[in-house]
N, C-alpha and C. Protein backbone atom coordinates (compact mmCIF):
# COMPACT_ATOMS: atom_id res chain seq x y z
N UNK A 1 -6.75 -19.20 8.45
CA UNK A 1 -5.45 -19.81 8.25
C UNK A 1 -4.44 -19.00 8.53
N UNK A 2 -4.02 -17.65 8.86
CA UNK A 2 -3.39 -17.26 9.38
C UNK A 2 -3.01 -17.19 10.81
N UNK A 3 -4.36 -17.33 11.51
CA UNK A 3 -4.43 -17.74 12.66
C UNK A 3 -3.75 -18.63 13.29
N UNK A 4 -3.96 -19.68 12.53
CA UNK A 4 -3.56 -20.93 12.73
C UNK A 4 -1.74 -20.89 13.01
N UNK A 5 -1.00 -20.41 12.07
CA UNK A 5 0.25 -19.96 11.89
C UNK A 5 1.27 -19.15 12.80
N UNK A 6 0.05 -18.04 13.33
CA UNK A 6 0.42 -17.01 13.96
C UNK A 6 1.46 -17.32 15.15
N UNK A 7 1.19 -18.83 16.23
CA UNK A 7 1.90 -18.92 17.08
C UNK A 7 3.33 -19.37 16.83
N UNK A 8 3.56 -19.88 15.89
CA UNK A 8 4.54 -20.82 15.25
C UNK A 8 5.64 -19.37 14.45
N UNK A 9 4.97 -18.39 13.76
CA UNK A 9 5.71 -17.24 13.38
C UNK A 9 6.06 -16.25 14.75
N UNK A 10 5.22 -16.50 15.63
CA UNK A 10 5.59 -15.76 16.86
C UNK A 10 6.85 -16.39 17.81
N UNK A 11 6.89 -17.67 17.78
CA UNK A 11 7.58 -18.33 18.39
C UNK A 11 9.33 -18.12 17.43
N UNK A 12 8.98 -17.96 16.16
CA UNK A 12 10.23 -18.13 15.35
C UNK A 12 11.04 -16.77 15.50
N UNK A 13 9.75 -15.36 15.29
CA UNK A 13 10.36 -14.20 15.58
C UNK A 13 11.00 -14.07 17.19
N UNK A 14 10.60 -14.75 18.23
CA UNK A 14 11.16 -14.45 19.47
C UNK A 14 12.35 -15.24 19.28
N UNK A 15 12.82 -16.70 18.58
CA UNK A 15 13.74 -17.09 18.85
C UNK A 15 15.18 -16.26 17.66
N UNK A 16 14.27 -15.55 16.94
CA UNK A 16 15.10 -14.62 16.11
C UNK A 16 15.75 -13.56 16.94
N UNK A 17 14.86 -13.06 17.70
CA UNK A 17 15.39 -11.67 18.48
C UNK A 17 16.43 -12.26 19.43
N UNK A 18 16.40 -13.71 19.87
CA UNK A 18 16.96 -14.04 21.10
C UNK A 18 18.51 -14.02 20.12
N UNK A 19 18.48 -14.56 19.14
CA UNK A 19 20.00 -14.61 18.03
C UNK A 19 20.16 -13.71 17.54
N UNK A 20 20.13 -12.36 17.84
CA UNK A 20 20.25 -11.31 17.10
C UNK A 20 21.98 -11.28 17.47
N UNK A 21 22.26 -11.07 18.49
CA UNK A 21 23.51 -10.93 18.68
C UNK A 21 24.51 -12.23 17.90
N UNK A 22 24.01 -13.27 17.66
CA UNK A 22 24.74 -14.06 16.92
C UNK A 22 24.85 -14.02 15.39
N UNK A 23 23.44 -13.84 15.12
CA UNK A 23 22.75 -13.11 13.62
C UNK A 23 23.95 -12.29 12.93
N UNK A 24 23.89 -10.95 13.92
CA UNK A 24 24.46 -9.85 13.29
C UNK A 24 25.77 -9.12 14.11
N UNK A 25 26.14 -9.95 15.14
CA UNK A 25 27.09 -9.46 15.88
C UNK A 25 28.64 -10.09 15.81
N UNK A 26 28.29 -11.19 15.15
CA UNK A 26 29.71 -12.14 14.63
C UNK A 26 30.11 -13.01 16.26
N UNK A 27 28.85 -13.17 16.84
CA UNK A 27 28.96 -14.03 18.18
C UNK A 27 28.54 -15.52 18.12
N UNK A 28 28.97 -16.39 19.17
CA UNK A 28 28.66 -17.68 18.74
C UNK A 28 28.26 -18.23 20.32
N UNK A 29 27.44 -19.13 20.74
CA UNK A 29 27.26 -19.57 21.73
C UNK A 29 28.46 -20.82 22.15
N UNK A 30 29.07 -20.85 21.37
CA UNK A 30 30.30 -21.90 21.97
C UNK A 30 31.19 -20.42 23.02
N UNK A 31 31.73 -21.20 24.00
CA UNK A 31 32.32 -20.31 25.06
C UNK A 31 33.93 -20.40 24.68
N UNK A 32 34.35 -19.68 23.77
CA UNK A 32 35.73 -19.42 23.53
C UNK A 32 36.46 -19.05 24.13
N UNK A 33 36.09 -18.55 24.85
CA UNK A 33 37.18 -16.86 25.88
C UNK A 33 37.45 -18.52 26.77
N UNK A 34 37.15 -19.64 27.08
CA UNK A 34 37.52 -20.56 27.89
C UNK A 34 38.81 -21.18 27.28
N UNK A 35 38.97 -21.09 25.99
CA UNK A 35 40.21 -21.87 25.24
C UNK A 35 41.81 -21.30 26.13
N UNK A 36 41.55 -19.97 26.04
CA UNK A 36 42.54 -19.26 25.96
C UNK A 36 42.95 -19.69 27.62
N UNK A 37 42.94 -20.53 28.60
CA UNK A 37 43.26 -20.72 29.73
C UNK A 37 44.51 -21.71 29.53
N UNK A 38 44.34 -22.30 28.24
CA UNK A 38 45.03 -23.75 28.48
C UNK A 38 46.01 -23.60 27.12
N UNK A 39 47.08 -24.16 27.19
CA UNK A 39 48.29 -24.27 25.85
C UNK A 39 47.53 -24.93 24.71
N UNK A 40 47.78 -24.75 23.66
CA UNK A 40 48.46 -23.73 23.04
C UNK A 40 47.77 -22.51 22.81
N UNK A 41 46.48 -22.31 23.31
CA UNK A 41 45.94 -20.75 23.36
C UNK A 41 46.44 -19.90 24.34
N UNK A 42 46.47 -20.22 25.30
CA UNK A 42 47.08 -19.42 26.63
C UNK A 42 48.23 -18.52 26.38
N UNK A 43 49.09 -18.62 25.22
CA UNK A 43 49.79 -17.60 25.04
C UNK A 43 49.51 -16.34 24.15
N UNK A 44 48.26 -16.56 23.60
CA UNK A 44 47.81 -15.86 22.44
C UNK A 44 47.47 -14.48 23.13
N UNK A 45 46.98 -14.25 24.46
CA UNK A 45 46.57 -13.04 25.01
C UNK A 45 46.61 -12.67 25.99
N UNK A 46 47.06 -11.87 27.09
CA UNK A 46 47.06 -11.78 28.19
C UNK A 46 46.18 -11.12 28.79
N UNK A 47 45.15 -10.44 27.86
CA UNK A 47 44.01 -9.43 28.42
C UNK A 47 42.84 -10.16 28.20
N UNK A 48 42.86 -11.74 28.00
CA UNK A 48 41.64 -11.90 27.95
C UNK A 48 40.80 -12.86 29.20
N UNK A 49 39.70 -12.23 29.29
CA UNK A 49 39.03 -12.72 30.55
C UNK A 49 38.06 -13.89 30.70
N UNK A 50 38.12 -14.52 31.12
CA UNK A 50 37.08 -15.70 30.99
C UNK A 50 36.04 -15.67 32.16
N UNK A 51 35.08 -15.73 31.27
CA UNK A 51 33.52 -15.22 31.96
C UNK A 51 33.22 -16.62 33.15
N UNK A 52 33.38 -17.76 32.15
CA UNK A 52 32.71 -18.67 33.07
C UNK A 52 33.66 -19.83 32.87
N UNK A 53 34.28 -20.17 33.99
CA UNK A 53 35.56 -21.10 33.64
C UNK A 53 34.80 -22.76 34.29
N UNK A 54 33.43 -23.00 34.17
CA UNK A 54 32.76 -23.96 34.20
C UNK A 54 32.58 -24.50 33.27
N UNK A 55 32.43 -23.81 32.08
CA UNK A 55 32.41 -24.36 30.94
C UNK A 55 33.13 -25.02 29.91
N UNK A 56 33.42 -26.13 30.17
CA UNK A 56 34.57 -26.44 29.22
C UNK A 56 34.49 -27.57 28.49
N UNK A 57 33.15 -28.22 28.78
CA UNK A 57 32.90 -29.47 27.64
C UNK A 57 32.77 -29.11 26.65
N UNK A 58 31.88 -27.78 26.04
CA UNK A 58 31.80 -27.93 24.99
C UNK A 58 33.08 -27.27 23.93
N UNK A 59 33.90 -27.10 24.72
CA UNK A 59 35.41 -26.73 23.82
C UNK A 59 36.37 -27.79 24.03
N UNK A 60 36.61 -28.26 24.99
CA UNK A 60 37.48 -29.36 25.71
C UNK A 60 37.07 -30.94 25.26
N UNK A 61 35.49 -31.11 25.51
CA UNK A 61 35.28 -32.49 25.51
C UNK A 61 35.31 -32.95 24.41
N UNK A 62 35.62 -34.28 23.93
CA UNK A 62 35.38 -34.82 22.85
C UNK A 62 34.25 -36.42 23.31
N UNK A 63 33.10 -35.81 22.95
CA UNK A 63 32.08 -37.05 23.34
C UNK A 63 31.38 -37.00 22.00
N UNK A 64 31.73 -37.80 21.02
CA UNK A 64 30.96 -37.94 20.05
C UNK A 64 29.77 -38.37 19.76
N UNK A 65 28.69 -37.83 19.12
CA UNK A 65 28.92 -36.62 18.39
C UNK A 65 28.56 -35.39 18.52
N UNK A 66 28.92 -34.99 19.88
CA UNK A 66 28.78 -33.96 20.68
C UNK A 66 29.92 -32.90 21.12
N UNK A 67 29.84 -31.53 20.61
CA UNK A 67 30.60 -30.63 21.31
C UNK A 67 31.40 -30.41 19.91
N UNK A 68 32.31 -29.34 20.32
CA UNK A 68 33.19 -28.72 19.49
C UNK A 68 34.08 -29.67 18.75
N UNK A 69 35.11 -30.24 19.25
CA UNK A 69 35.93 -31.02 18.78
C UNK A 69 35.49 -32.35 17.82
N UNK A 70 34.25 -32.79 18.61
CA UNK A 70 33.79 -33.70 17.65
C UNK A 70 33.42 -33.36 15.84
N UNK A 71 32.54 -31.77 15.92
CA UNK A 71 32.14 -31.47 14.81
C UNK A 71 33.29 -30.82 13.97
N UNK A 72 34.46 -30.47 14.87
CA UNK A 72 35.23 -30.15 13.76
C UNK A 72 36.38 -31.11 13.43
N UNK A 73 36.35 -32.47 13.87
CA UNK A 73 36.65 -33.77 13.41
C UNK A 73 35.95 -34.21 12.10
N UNK A 74 34.75 -33.96 12.21
CA UNK A 74 33.66 -34.47 11.42
C UNK A 74 33.73 -33.44 10.27
N UNK A 75 33.87 -32.43 10.42
CA UNK A 75 33.83 -31.54 9.15
C UNK A 75 35.68 -31.37 8.51
N UNK A 76 36.25 -31.66 9.51
CA UNK A 76 37.46 -31.91 8.75
C UNK A 76 37.88 -33.44 7.80
N UNK A 77 37.06 -34.23 8.31
CA UNK A 77 37.22 -35.42 7.42
C UNK A 77 36.00 -35.24 6.15
N UNK A 78 35.06 -34.32 6.35
CA UNK A 78 34.33 -34.12 4.88
C UNK A 78 35.13 -33.17 3.76
N UNK A 79 36.02 -32.49 4.67
CA UNK A 79 36.30 -31.70 3.66
C UNK A 79 37.74 -32.28 2.74
N UNK A 80 38.48 -33.69 3.46
CA UNK A 80 39.27 -34.34 3.15
C UNK A 80 38.87 -35.53 2.19
N UNK A 81 37.44 -35.90 2.21
CA UNK A 81 36.54 -36.45 1.31
C UNK A 81 36.26 -37.84 2.30
N UNK A 82 36.32 -37.80 3.39
CA UNK A 82 36.22 -39.36 4.17
C UNK A 82 34.97 -38.31 5.42
N UNK A 83 34.31 -39.94 5.57
CA UNK A 83 33.57 -39.52 6.50
C UNK A 83 34.09 -40.44 7.80
N UNK A 84 34.59 -39.86 8.68
CA UNK A 84 35.30 -40.53 9.86
C UNK A 84 34.39 -41.34 10.77
N UNK A 85 34.73 -42.57 11.09
CA UNK A 85 34.15 -43.30 12.15
C UNK A 85 35.08 -43.94 13.09
N UNK A 86 36.34 -43.20 13.07
CA UNK A 86 37.50 -43.42 14.12
C UNK A 86 37.99 -42.41 14.26
N UNK A 87 37.97 -42.03 15.85
CA UNK A 87 38.89 -40.80 16.04
C UNK A 87 39.97 -41.61 16.95
N UNK A 88 41.45 -41.01 16.06
CA UNK A 88 42.47 -41.55 16.46
C UNK A 88 43.22 -40.48 17.83
N UNK A 89 42.97 -39.25 17.74
CA UNK A 89 43.61 -38.72 18.63
C UNK A 89 43.37 -38.48 20.33
N UNK A 90 42.42 -39.68 20.65
CA UNK A 90 42.26 -39.95 21.82
C UNK A 90 42.81 -41.11 22.09
N UNK A 91 44.10 -41.18 23.08
CA UNK A 91 44.71 -42.46 23.46
C UNK A 91 44.67 -43.22 22.56
N UNK A 92 44.49 -44.39 22.16
CA UNK A 92 44.39 -45.57 21.45
C UNK A 92 43.19 -45.50 20.21
N UNK A 93 42.49 -44.36 20.05
CA UNK A 93 41.49 -44.17 19.41
C UNK A 93 39.98 -44.55 20.02
N UNK A 94 39.27 -43.92 19.45
CA UNK A 94 37.84 -44.64 19.99
C UNK A 94 36.83 -44.07 18.76
N UNK A 95 35.79 -44.96 18.72
CA UNK A 95 34.57 -44.71 17.45
C UNK A 95 34.24 -43.63 17.53
N UNK A 96 33.51 -42.81 16.77
CA UNK A 96 33.16 -41.66 16.21
C UNK A 96 32.08 -42.08 15.86
N UNK A 97 30.97 -41.83 16.68
CA UNK A 97 29.46 -42.36 16.41
C UNK A 97 28.94 -41.18 15.71
N UNK A 98 28.23 -41.82 14.14
CA UNK A 98 27.81 -40.42 13.69
C UNK A 98 26.68 -39.67 14.37
N UNK A 99 26.37 -38.58 13.55
CA UNK A 99 25.35 -38.20 14.16
C UNK A 99 23.88 -38.77 13.89
N UNK A 100 22.98 -38.94 14.98
CA UNK A 100 21.83 -39.79 14.72
C UNK A 100 20.44 -39.13 14.27
N UNK A 101 20.85 -37.86 13.76
CA UNK A 101 19.73 -36.67 13.23
C UNK A 101 20.00 -36.40 12.08
N UNK A 102 18.97 -36.28 10.75
CA UNK A 102 19.72 -35.90 9.67
C UNK A 102 19.36 -34.49 9.82
N UNK A 103 18.91 -33.58 10.60
CA UNK A 103 18.75 -32.11 11.17
C UNK A 103 20.50 -32.10 11.50
N UNK A 104 21.33 -32.59 12.04
CA UNK A 104 22.49 -32.40 12.54
C UNK A 104 23.47 -32.52 11.29
N UNK A 105 23.26 -33.64 10.54
CA UNK A 105 24.11 -33.62 9.39
C UNK A 105 23.92 -32.56 8.40
N UNK A 106 23.02 -32.05 8.23
CA UNK A 106 22.25 -30.96 7.57
C UNK A 106 23.01 -29.70 7.89
N UNK A 107 23.02 -29.42 9.15
CA UNK A 107 23.88 -28.20 9.57
C UNK A 107 25.45 -28.45 9.72
N UNK A 108 25.64 -29.28 10.27
CA UNK A 108 27.13 -29.69 10.30
C UNK A 108 28.03 -30.25 8.88
N UNK A 109 27.02 -30.40 7.58
CA UNK A 109 27.89 -30.75 6.49
C UNK A 109 27.63 -29.74 5.56
N UNK A 110 26.68 -28.40 5.95
CA UNK A 110 26.80 -27.47 5.09
C UNK A 110 27.01 -26.15 5.32
N UNK A 111 27.27 -26.21 6.74
CA UNK A 111 27.45 -24.27 7.07
C UNK A 111 28.91 -24.82 7.97
N UNK A 112 29.77 -23.54 8.29
CA UNK A 112 30.71 -23.62 8.99
C UNK A 112 30.42 -24.26 10.26
N UNK A 113 31.57 -24.24 10.92
CA UNK A 113 31.06 -25.01 12.56
C UNK A 113 30.38 -24.31 13.44
N UNK A 114 30.40 -22.89 13.59
CA UNK A 114 29.57 -22.18 14.71
C UNK A 114 28.28 -21.96 14.42
N UNK A 115 28.33 -21.56 12.63
CA UNK A 115 27.07 -21.25 11.97
C UNK A 115 26.14 -22.55 12.39
N UNK A 116 26.62 -23.85 11.86
CA UNK A 116 26.03 -25.27 11.93
C UNK A 116 25.58 -25.05 13.36
N UNK A 117 26.47 -25.11 14.77
CA UNK A 117 25.91 -24.88 15.75
C UNK A 117 24.79 -23.76 16.11
N UNK A 118 24.80 -22.97 15.98
CA UNK A 118 24.05 -21.82 16.33
C UNK A 118 22.65 -22.29 15.41
N UNK A 119 22.73 -22.46 14.30
CA UNK A 119 21.42 -23.06 13.48
C UNK A 119 21.05 -23.79 14.09
N UNK A 120 21.48 -24.89 14.83
CA UNK A 120 20.98 -26.10 15.24
C UNK A 120 20.00 -25.65 16.69
N UNK A 121 20.85 -24.72 17.44
CA UNK A 121 20.26 -24.54 18.65
C UNK A 121 19.15 -23.45 18.50
N UNK A 122 19.17 -22.48 17.14
CA UNK A 122 18.09 -21.92 17.24
C UNK A 122 16.78 -22.41 16.51
N UNK A 123 16.82 -23.51 15.87
CA UNK A 123 15.81 -24.53 15.45
C UNK A 123 15.29 -25.25 16.84
N UNK A 124 16.24 -25.87 17.64
CA UNK A 124 15.90 -26.36 18.76
C UNK A 124 15.24 -25.12 19.58
N UNK A 125 15.58 -24.06 19.93
CA UNK A 125 14.66 -23.25 20.73
C UNK A 125 13.36 -22.98 20.03
N UNK A 126 13.29 -22.73 18.73
CA UNK A 126 12.12 -22.59 17.93
C UNK A 126 10.81 -23.76 18.17
N UNK A 127 11.52 -24.76 18.26
CA UNK A 127 10.79 -26.34 18.25
C UNK A 127 10.31 -26.27 20.03
N UNK A 128 11.23 -25.93 20.85
CA UNK A 128 10.82 -25.85 22.43
C UNK A 128 9.46 -25.00 22.17
N UNK A 129 9.66 -23.74 21.84
CA UNK A 129 8.27 -22.96 22.12
C UNK A 129 7.33 -23.67 21.57
N UNK A 130 7.48 -24.03 20.28
CA UNK A 130 6.37 -24.13 19.09
C UNK A 130 5.46 -25.71 19.32
N UNK A 131 6.66 -26.58 19.85
CA UNK A 131 5.87 -27.67 20.30
C UNK A 131 5.07 -27.64 21.68
N UNK A 132 5.69 -27.00 22.64
CA UNK A 132 5.26 -26.93 23.90
C UNK A 132 3.79 -25.78 23.61
N UNK A 133 3.83 -25.32 22.88
CA UNK A 133 2.52 -24.84 22.62
C UNK A 133 1.47 -25.54 22.25
N UNK A 134 1.88 -26.74 21.16
CA UNK A 134 0.99 -27.58 20.30
C UNK A 134 0.73 -28.61 21.41
N UNK A 135 1.53 -29.28 22.30
CA UNK A 135 1.00 -29.81 23.47
C UNK A 135 -0.15 -29.21 24.32
N UNK A 136 0.42 -27.92 25.09
CA UNK A 136 -0.69 -27.42 25.91
C UNK A 136 -1.92 -26.79 25.27
N UNK A 137 -2.20 -26.78 23.91
CA UNK A 137 -2.96 -26.68 22.98
C UNK A 137 -4.17 -27.92 22.97
N UNK A 138 -3.22 -29.18 22.85
CA UNK A 138 -3.99 -30.43 22.61
C UNK A 138 -4.77 -30.95 24.09
N UNK A 139 -3.87 -30.40 25.52
CA UNK A 139 -4.67 -30.54 26.49
C UNK A 139 -5.46 -29.65 27.05
N UNK A 140 -6.13 -28.76 26.23
CA UNK A 140 -7.20 -27.66 26.45
C UNK A 140 -6.83 -26.71 27.10
N UNK A 141 -5.68 -25.86 26.99
CA UNK A 141 -5.43 -24.83 27.70
C UNK A 141 -5.30 -23.72 26.55
N UNK A 142 -5.83 -22.63 26.66
CA UNK A 142 -6.29 -21.69 25.94
C UNK A 142 -4.97 -21.26 25.38
N UNK A 143 -5.76 -20.42 24.17
CA UNK A 143 -4.48 -20.13 23.22
C UNK A 143 -3.16 -19.38 23.97
N UNK A 144 -3.88 -18.03 24.90
CA UNK A 144 -3.08 -17.28 25.17
C UNK A 144 -1.97 -17.94 26.07
N UNK A 145 -2.84 -18.89 27.04
CA UNK A 145 -1.83 -19.57 28.19
C UNK A 145 -1.18 -20.32 27.63
N UNK A 146 -1.22 -21.09 26.40
CA UNK A 146 -0.26 -21.70 25.93
C UNK A 146 0.80 -21.22 25.12
N UNK A 147 0.62 -20.04 24.68
CA UNK A 147 1.78 -19.03 24.22
C UNK A 147 2.79 -18.76 25.33
N UNK A 148 2.04 -18.37 26.25
CA UNK A 148 2.79 -17.91 27.32
C UNK A 148 3.73 -18.99 27.95
N UNK A 149 2.95 -20.08 27.72
CA UNK A 149 3.61 -21.52 28.41
C UNK A 149 4.54 -22.06 27.44
N UNK A 150 4.56 -21.82 26.25
CA UNK A 150 5.84 -22.30 25.38
C UNK A 150 6.66 -21.13 25.71
N UNK A 151 6.89 -20.14 25.92
CA UNK A 151 7.58 -19.01 26.03
C UNK A 151 8.56 -19.34 27.27
N UNK A 152 7.50 -19.65 28.43
CA UNK A 152 8.46 -19.85 29.33
C UNK A 152 9.15 -21.21 29.50
N UNK A 153 8.69 -22.31 28.54
CA UNK A 153 9.63 -23.56 28.75
C UNK A 153 10.68 -23.25 27.43
N UNK A 154 10.49 -22.16 26.66
CA UNK A 154 11.74 -21.91 26.05
C UNK A 154 12.90 -21.59 26.52
N UNK A 155 12.34 -20.49 27.62
CA UNK A 155 13.64 -19.82 28.58
C UNK A 155 13.79 -20.28 29.85
N UNK A 156 13.04 -21.28 30.15
CA UNK A 156 13.42 -21.78 31.52
C UNK A 156 14.65 -22.06 31.91
N UNK A 157 15.08 -21.88 33.07
CA UNK A 157 16.46 -21.31 33.71
C UNK A 157 17.61 -22.49 33.25
N UNK A 158 16.81 -24.23 33.28
CA UNK A 158 17.92 -25.02 33.05
C UNK A 158 18.17 -25.21 31.40
N UNK A 159 17.40 -24.64 30.60
CA UNK A 159 17.97 -24.76 29.35
C UNK A 159 18.58 -23.20 28.75
N UNK A 160 18.32 -22.69 29.55
CA UNK A 160 19.36 -21.26 29.60
C UNK A 160 20.77 -21.37 30.22
N UNK A 161 20.79 -22.06 31.02
CA UNK A 161 22.10 -22.31 31.59
C UNK A 161 22.92 -23.25 30.87
N UNK A 162 22.41 -24.02 30.31
CA UNK A 162 23.14 -25.13 29.41
C UNK A 162 22.77 -24.89 27.94
N UNK A 163 22.93 -23.96 27.30
CA UNK A 163 22.17 -23.79 26.38
C UNK A 163 23.27 -24.08 25.32
N UNK A 164 24.46 -23.48 25.57
CA UNK A 164 25.39 -24.28 24.36
C UNK A 164 25.79 -25.78 24.48
N UNK A 165 25.55 -26.25 25.34
CA UNK A 165 25.32 -27.69 25.21
C UNK A 165 23.85 -28.15 24.43
N UNK A 166 24.25 -28.76 23.19
CA UNK A 166 23.30 -28.85 22.15
C UNK A 166 22.30 -30.04 22.72
N UNK A 167 22.83 -30.72 23.17
CA UNK A 167 21.45 -31.64 23.95
C UNK A 167 20.71 -31.48 24.36
N UNK A 168 20.76 -30.59 25.46
CA UNK A 168 19.85 -29.63 26.41
C UNK A 168 18.75 -29.10 25.73
N UNK A 169 18.99 -28.71 24.64
CA UNK A 169 17.62 -27.32 23.83
C UNK A 169 17.05 -28.73 23.23
N UNK A 170 17.92 -30.10 22.70
CA UNK A 170 17.00 -30.48 21.96
C UNK A 170 16.14 -31.31 23.03
N UNK A 171 16.56 -31.69 24.07
CA UNK A 171 15.56 -32.35 25.11
C UNK A 171 14.38 -31.45 25.39
N UNK A 172 15.02 -30.33 26.05
CA UNK A 172 13.72 -29.01 25.85
C UNK A 172 12.63 -29.29 24.83
N UNK A 173 13.01 -29.53 23.85
CA UNK A 173 12.05 -29.63 22.57
C UNK A 173 11.26 -31.20 22.43
N UNK A 174 11.94 -32.04 22.61
CA UNK A 174 11.56 -33.27 22.66
C UNK A 174 10.75 -33.95 23.73
N UNK A 175 10.82 -33.00 25.01
CA UNK A 175 9.79 -33.70 26.49
C UNK A 175 8.51 -32.92 25.73
N UNK A 176 8.31 -32.05 25.48
CA UNK A 176 6.61 -31.61 25.14
C UNK A 176 6.33 -32.54 23.73
N UNK A 177 7.15 -32.78 22.80
CA UNK A 177 6.64 -33.37 21.74
C UNK A 177 6.33 -35.04 21.87
N UNK A 178 7.18 -35.47 22.97
CA UNK A 178 6.97 -36.85 23.66
C UNK A 178 5.54 -36.89 24.31
N UNK A 179 5.32 -35.94 25.38
CA UNK A 179 4.07 -35.66 25.99
C UNK A 179 2.93 -35.61 24.97
N UNK A 180 3.28 -34.74 23.87
CA UNK A 180 2.09 -34.54 22.63
C UNK A 180 1.81 -35.78 22.13
N UNK A 181 2.78 -36.43 21.90
CA UNK A 181 2.34 -37.98 21.12
C UNK A 181 1.74 -39.11 22.26
N UNK A 182 1.97 -38.94 23.16
CA UNK A 182 1.36 -39.64 24.36
C UNK A 182 -0.20 -39.11 24.48
């Protein structure tokens, strides 16, 4: 019985190790250093160095229900006792499309914004490895090769470069799930 769950525990351990700076170091996968290039935050600190100026969408982009502004708007609505369905600060307004997953509702309704974001990313990273393992076992790959394949898919270059974009790790988890169901 333990042998059956060992790969899942292994992938959970790898995910936890990857998230150690987030869990214990007070960090997040949101690129908040980018904010300090633009008003009103640009006057807050002259010593702030932006590490990657290309990653503006997770902070500045409003693409409901993705990214920081959308999550902040959703949590602000919950704090005032409403579920927002209209975002009125974008020109004349736009529909606020609710989350399509109960998992996202769980993380963004019960936890602070950065904790919810990072928890969702950690869950997707774990799912990427473990579901890839299940798929590779289904197509008769050996146990060790399936574990190695799951690790490789968890930390592939595309997922790691775009990791803070929540939909990329989610897509990395659902691709092997789709193949598994086929």
